[in-house]
C-alpha atoms as a PDB file:
ATOM      1  CA  MET A   1      -9.457 -28.013  16.472  1.00  0.00           C
ATOM      2  CA  SER A   2      -9.509 -24.590  14.824  1.00  0.00           C
ATOM      3  CA  GLN A   3      -9.205 -21.344  16.701  1.00  0.00           C
ATOM      4  CA  ALA A   4     -11.568 -18.418  16.330  1.00  0.00           C
ATOM      5  CA  VAL A   5     -10.214 -15.513  14.328  1.00  0.00           C
ATOM      6  CA  PRO A   6      -9.930 -12.470  16.602  1.00  0.00           C
ATOM      7  CA  GLU A   7     -11.761  -9.290  15.692  1.00  0.00           C
ATOM      8  CA  ILE A   8      -9.348  -6.564  14.608  1.00  0.00           C
ATOM      9  CA  ARG A   9     -10.218  -2.884  14.503  1.00  0.00           C
ATOM     10  CA  LEU A  10      -9.241  -1.030  11.311  1.00  0.00           C
ATOM     11  CA  ALA A  11      -7.236   1.452  13.382  1.00  0.00           C
ATOM     12  CA  ASP A  12      -5.050  -1.411  14.701  1.00  0.00           C
ATOM     13  CA  VAL A  13      -4.220  -2.948  11.307  1.00  0.00           C
ATOM     14  CA  PRO A  14      -1.215  -0.725  10.452  1.00  0.00           C
ATOM     15  CA  GLU A  15       0.424  -1.729  13.741  1.00  0.00           C
ATOM     16  CA  ILE A  16      -0.126  -5.444  13.077  1.00  0.00           C
ATOM     17  CA  LEU A  17       1.062  -5.613   9.449  1.00  0.00           C
ATOM     18  CA  LYS A  18       4.723  -5.780   8.476  1.00  0.00           C
ATOM     19  CA  PRO A  19       6.215  -4.534   5.182  1.00  0.00           C
ATOM     20  CA  GLY A  20       5.898  -7.277   2.586  1.00  0.00           C
ATOM     21  CA  ASP A  21       2.797  -8.888   4.107  1.00  0.00           C
ATOM     22  CA  VAL A  22       0.424 -10.087   1.389  1.00  0.00           C
ATOM     23  CA  LEU A  23      -3.152  -8.844   1.587  1.00  0.00           C
ATOM     24  CA  LEU A  24      -5.753 -10.955  -0.206  1.00  0.00           C
ATOM     25  CA  MET A  25      -8.849  -9.140  -1.431  1.00  0.00           C
ATOM     26  CA  ARG A  26     -12.235  -9.884  -2.963  1.00  0.00           C
ATOM     27  CA  GLY A  27     -13.541  -7.378  -5.436  1.00  0.00           C
ATOM     28  CA  ASP A  28     -17.195  -7.036  -6.352  1.00  0.00           C
ATOM     29  CA  SER A  29     -16.800  -6.550 -10.101  1.00  0.00           C
ATOM     30  CA  ALA A  30     -17.620  -9.041 -12.828  1.00  0.00           C
ATOM     31  CA  VAL A  31     -13.877  -9.507 -13.442  1.00  0.00           C
ATOM     32  CA  SER A  32     -13.336 -10.345  -9.767  1.00  0.00           C
ATOM     33  CA  ASP A  33     -16.194 -12.857  -9.894  1.00  0.00           C
ATOM     34  CA  LEU A  34     -14.666 -14.428 -13.003  1.00  0.00           C
ATOM     35  CA  ILE A  35     -11.218 -14.716 -11.387  1.00  0.00           C
ATOM     36  CA  MET A  36     -12.682 -16.407  -8.300  1.00  0.00           C
ATOM     37  CA  THR A  37     -14.805 -18.767 -10.407  1.00  0.00           C
ATOM     38  CA  LEU A  38     -11.980 -19.810 -12.720  1.00  0.00           C
ATOM     39  CA  SER A  39      -9.430 -20.165  -9.929  1.00  0.00           C
ATOM     40  CA  GLY A  40     -11.822 -21.866  -7.529  1.00  0.00           C
ATOM     41  CA  GLY A  41     -10.601 -19.482  -4.841  1.00  0.00           C
ATOM     42  CA  ASP A  42     -12.110 -17.005  -2.430  1.00  0.00           C
ATOM     43  CA  TYR A  43      -9.994 -14.019  -3.469  1.00  0.00           C
ATOM     44  CA  SER A  44      -9.566 -12.145  -6.723  1.00  0.00           C
ATOM     45  CA  HIS A  45      -6.599  -9.892  -6.035  1.00  0.00           C
ATOM     46  CA  ALA A  46      -3.516  -9.480  -3.867  1.00  0.00           C
ATOM     47  CA  GLY A  47      -1.431  -6.530  -2.772  1.00  0.00           C
ATOM     48  CA  PHE A  48       1.571  -5.962  -0.502  1.00  0.00           C
ATOM     49  CA  TRP A  49       1.787  -3.894   2.663  1.00  0.00           C
ATOM     50  CA  SER A  50       4.473  -1.246   2.204  1.00  0.00           C
ATOM     51  CA  GLU A  51       6.907   0.289   4.613  1.00  0.00           C
ATOM     52  CA  ALA A  52       5.134   3.620   4.018  1.00  0.00           C
ATOM     53  CA  GLY A  53       1.930   2.213   5.543  1.00  0.00           C
ATOM     54  CA  ASP A  54      -0.131   1.670   2.418  1.00  0.00           C
ATOM     55  CA  ILE A  55      -0.888  -1.128  -0.047  1.00  0.00           C
ATOM     56  CA  ILE A  56       1.230  -1.652  -3.159  1.00  0.00           C
ATOM     57  CA  ASP A  57      -1.293  -2.684  -5.752  1.00  0.00           C
ATOM     58  CA  ALA A  58      -0.969  -3.458  -9.467  1.00  0.00           C
ATOM     59  CA  GLY A  59      -3.861  -3.035 -11.871  1.00  0.00           C
ATOM     60  CA  PRO A  60      -4.894  -1.480 -15.177  1.00  0.00           C
ATOM     61  CA  ALA A  61      -3.617   1.934 -14.039  1.00  0.00           C
ATOM     62  CA  GLY A  62      -0.166   0.506 -13.197  1.00  0.00           C
ATOM     63  CA  VAL A  63       1.486   0.021  -9.820  1.00  0.00           C
ATOM     64  CA  LEU A  64      -0.107   2.221  -7.176  1.00  0.00           C
ATOM     65  CA  HIS A  65       0.318   2.960  -3.493  1.00  0.00           C
ATOM     66  CA  VAL A  66      -3.206   2.888  -2.067  1.00  0.00           C
ATOM     67  CA  PRO A  67      -4.143   3.883   1.509  1.00  0.00           C
ATOM     68  CA  LEU A  68      -5.546   0.974   3.523  1.00  0.00           C
ATOM     69  CA  ASP A  69      -8.865   2.643   4.289  1.00  0.00           C
ATOM     70  CA  THR A  70      -9.385   3.429   0.579  1.00  0.00           C
ATOM     71  CA  ARG A  71      -8.737  -0.182  -0.428  1.00  0.00           C
ATOM     72  CA  LEU A  72     -10.975  -1.578   2.312  1.00  0.00           C
ATOM     73  CA  TYR A  73     -13.771   0.704   1.149  1.00  0.00           C
ATOM     74  CA  GLU A  74     -13.351  -0.592  -2.429  1.00  0.00           C
ATOM     75  CA  GLU A  75     -12.924  -4.298  -1.639  1.00  0.00           C
ATOM     76  CA  ASP A  76     -14.652  -6.877   0.499  1.00  0.00           C
END
C-alpha cells in the first residue's frame, strides 16, 4: 500500500532539505524532452541542495548556485 505524498509549501522546503540532497527536475525545453525520452525517465536534470540554502546546478554556463525559487520558476 502506498502512502499519499504530503503537500509541502515552498516556504517550508529550505527547512526540510539537508545539504547534499539531490533535487530531480523536469525542464520544458526540447533538450529536456529528449533526455526524458532517451532515458525513459520522468526527470531531465538533477542538482544538489547546498549548505548556503540554494541549488548547486551544472549546465552550459558552468556550475552555478541558483536560489530555490528561481529554479522552481524555471523547472516543473
